[in-house]
Amino acid sequence: MFSVRIVTADYYMASPLQGLDICQSPLTQAPVKKVPVVRIFGATPAV
């Protein structure tokens, strides 16, 4: 079994990447200027 202990988690807002992120809101059809980026850092047990 693989396990990871979460050490820290944070987020920031960045411009969307064409072809990877949604660049147009499906609800309002307005262009999306920023998307959330979630970063999770952890440690795996040493073997």
N, C-alpha and C. Protein backbone atom coordinates (compact mmCIF):
# COMPACT_ATOMS: atom_id res chain seq x y z
N MET A 1 0.84 -1.17 0.00
CA MET A 1 0.00 0.00 0.00
C MET A 1 0.89 1.24 0.00
N PHE A 2 0.51 2.22 -0.77
CA PHE A 2 1.25 3.48 -0.88
C PHE A 2 0.60 4.50 0.03
N SER A 3 1.39 5.20 0.82
CA SER A 3 0.83 6.23 1.69
C SER A 3 1.70 7.48 1.61
N VAL A 4 1.06 8.62 1.81
CA VAL A 4 1.75 9.91 1.81
C VAL A 4 1.26 10.70 3.00
N ARG A 5 2.18 11.26 3.74
CA ARG A 5 1.80 12.14 4.84
C ARG A 5 1.83 13.57 4.29
N ILE A 6 0.70 14.25 4.37
CA ILE A 6 0.63 15.62 3.85
C ILE A 6 1.37 16.54 4.82
N VAL A 7 2.37 17.24 4.28
CA VAL A 7 3.17 18.16 5.08
C VAL A 7 2.60 19.57 4.97
N THR A 8 2.28 19.96 3.78
CA THR A 8 1.70 21.29 3.57
C THR A 8 0.82 21.28 2.32
N ALA A 9 -0.17 22.12 2.33
CA ALA A 9 -1.05 22.29 1.17
C ALA A 9 -1.31 23.79 1.02
N ASP A 10 -1.26 24.27 -0.21
CA ASP A 10 -1.56 25.67 -0.46
C ASP A 10 -2.19 25.82 -1.83
N TYR A 11 -2.56 27.03 -2.16
CA TYR A 11 -3.17 27.29 -3.46
C TYR A 11 -2.82 28.70 -3.91
N TYR A 12 -2.97 28.93 -5.20
CA TYR A 12 -2.86 30.26 -5.76
C TYR A 12 -3.70 30.32 -7.02
N MET A 13 -3.93 31.51 -7.51
CA MET A 13 -4.72 31.70 -8.72
C MET A 13 -3.77 32.03 -9.87
N ALA A 14 -3.99 31.37 -11.02
CA ALA A 14 -3.12 31.57 -12.18
C ALA A 14 -3.97 31.67 -13.45
N SER A 15 -3.38 32.18 -14.49
CA SER A 15 -4.07 32.24 -15.78
C SER A 15 -4.26 30.82 -16.32
N PRO A 16 -5.40 30.54 -16.97
CA PRO A 16 -5.64 29.19 -17.50
C PRO A 16 -4.72 28.87 -18.67
N LEU A 17 -4.39 27.60 -18.82
CA LEU A 17 -3.57 27.14 -19.94
C LEU A 17 -4.48 26.60 -21.03
N GLN A 18 -4.29 27.08 -22.24
CA GLN A 18 -5.08 26.64 -23.39
C GLN A 18 -4.92 25.13 -23.59
N GLY A 19 -6.01 24.41 -23.71
CA GLY A 19 -5.97 22.98 -23.94
C GLY A 19 -5.92 22.15 -22.67
N LEU A 20 -5.65 22.77 -21.52
CA LEU A 20 -5.58 22.05 -20.25
C LEU A 20 -6.69 22.49 -19.30
N ASP A 21 -6.95 23.79 -19.25
CA ASP A 21 -7.97 24.34 -18.36
C ASP A 21 -9.17 24.82 -19.17
N ILE A 22 -10.29 24.98 -18.48
CA ILE A 22 -11.47 25.57 -19.10
C ILE A 22 -11.21 27.07 -19.25
N CYS A 23 -11.32 27.59 -20.46
CA CYS A 23 -11.03 29.00 -20.71
C CYS A 23 -12.29 29.82 -20.88
N GLN A 24 -13.45 29.17 -20.85
CA GLN A 24 -14.73 29.86 -20.98
C GLN A 24 -15.70 29.25 -19.99
N SER A 25 -16.39 30.09 -19.22
CA SER A 25 -17.34 29.62 -18.22
C SER A 25 -18.52 28.92 -18.89
N PRO A 26 -18.82 27.67 -18.49
CA PRO A 26 -19.97 26.98 -19.09
C PRO A 26 -21.30 27.59 -18.67
N LEU A 27 -21.31 28.32 -17.56
CA LEU A 27 -22.55 28.91 -17.06
C LEU A 27 -22.86 30.25 -17.74
N THR A 28 -21.89 31.15 -17.78
CA THR A 28 -22.13 32.49 -18.31
C THR A 28 -21.52 32.73 -19.68
N GLN A 29 -20.71 31.78 -20.18
CA GLN A 29 -20.01 31.91 -21.46
C GLN A 29 -18.99 33.04 -21.45
N ALA A 30 -18.65 33.56 -20.28
CA ALA A 30 -17.63 34.61 -20.17
C ALA A 30 -16.24 33.97 -20.12
N PRO A 31 -15.24 34.69 -20.60
CA PRO A 31 -13.88 34.13 -20.53
C PRO A 31 -13.41 34.02 -19.08
N VAL A 32 -12.67 32.96 -18.79
CA VAL A 32 -12.13 32.74 -17.45
C VAL A 32 -10.75 33.37 -17.40
N LYS A 33 -10.53 34.26 -16.44
CA LYS A 33 -9.25 34.96 -16.34
C LYS A 33 -8.28 34.27 -15.39
N LYS A 34 -8.78 33.62 -14.34
CA LYS A 34 -7.93 32.94 -13.36
C LYS A 34 -8.55 31.61 -12.98
N VAL A 35 -7.70 30.61 -12.72
CA VAL A 35 -8.14 29.30 -12.24
C VAL A 35 -7.34 28.95 -10.99
N PRO A 36 -7.93 28.18 -10.07
CA PRO A 36 -7.19 27.82 -8.86
C PRO A 36 -6.18 26.70 -9.14
N VAL A 37 -5.02 26.82 -8.55
CA VAL A 37 -3.98 25.79 -8.61
C VAL A 37 -3.75 25.32 -7.18
N VAL A 38 -3.98 24.03 -6.92
CA VAL A 38 -3.81 23.47 -5.58
C VAL A 38 -2.51 22.67 -5.58
N ARG A 39 -1.66 22.96 -4.60
CA ARG A 39 -0.39 22.23 -4.47
C ARG A 39 -0.38 21.50 -3.14
N ILE A 40 -0.04 20.22 -3.17
CA ILE A 40 0.04 19.41 -1.96
C ILE A 40 1.43 18.78 -1.91
N PHE A 41 2.14 19.02 -0.83
CA PHE A 41 3.48 18.47 -0.64
C PHE A 41 3.43 17.49 0.52
N GLY A 42 4.11 16.38 0.37
CA GLY A 42 4.09 15.38 1.42
C GLY A 42 5.38 14.59 1.48
N ALA A 43 5.37 13.63 2.37
CA ALA A 43 6.53 12.75 2.55
C ALA A 43 6.07 11.31 2.48
N THR A 44 6.88 10.48 1.83
CA THR A 44 6.59 9.04 1.79
C THR A 44 7.50 8.35 2.79
N PRO A 45 7.07 7.23 3.33
CA PRO A 45 7.92 6.53 4.30
C PRO A 45 9.21 6.01 3.65
N ALA A 46 10.32 6.15 4.35
CA ALA A 46 11.60 5.64 3.85
C ALA A 46 11.61 4.12 3.97
N VAL A 47 12.18 3.47 2.97
CA VAL A 47 12.22 2.00 2.99
C VAL A 47 13.64 1.54 3.24
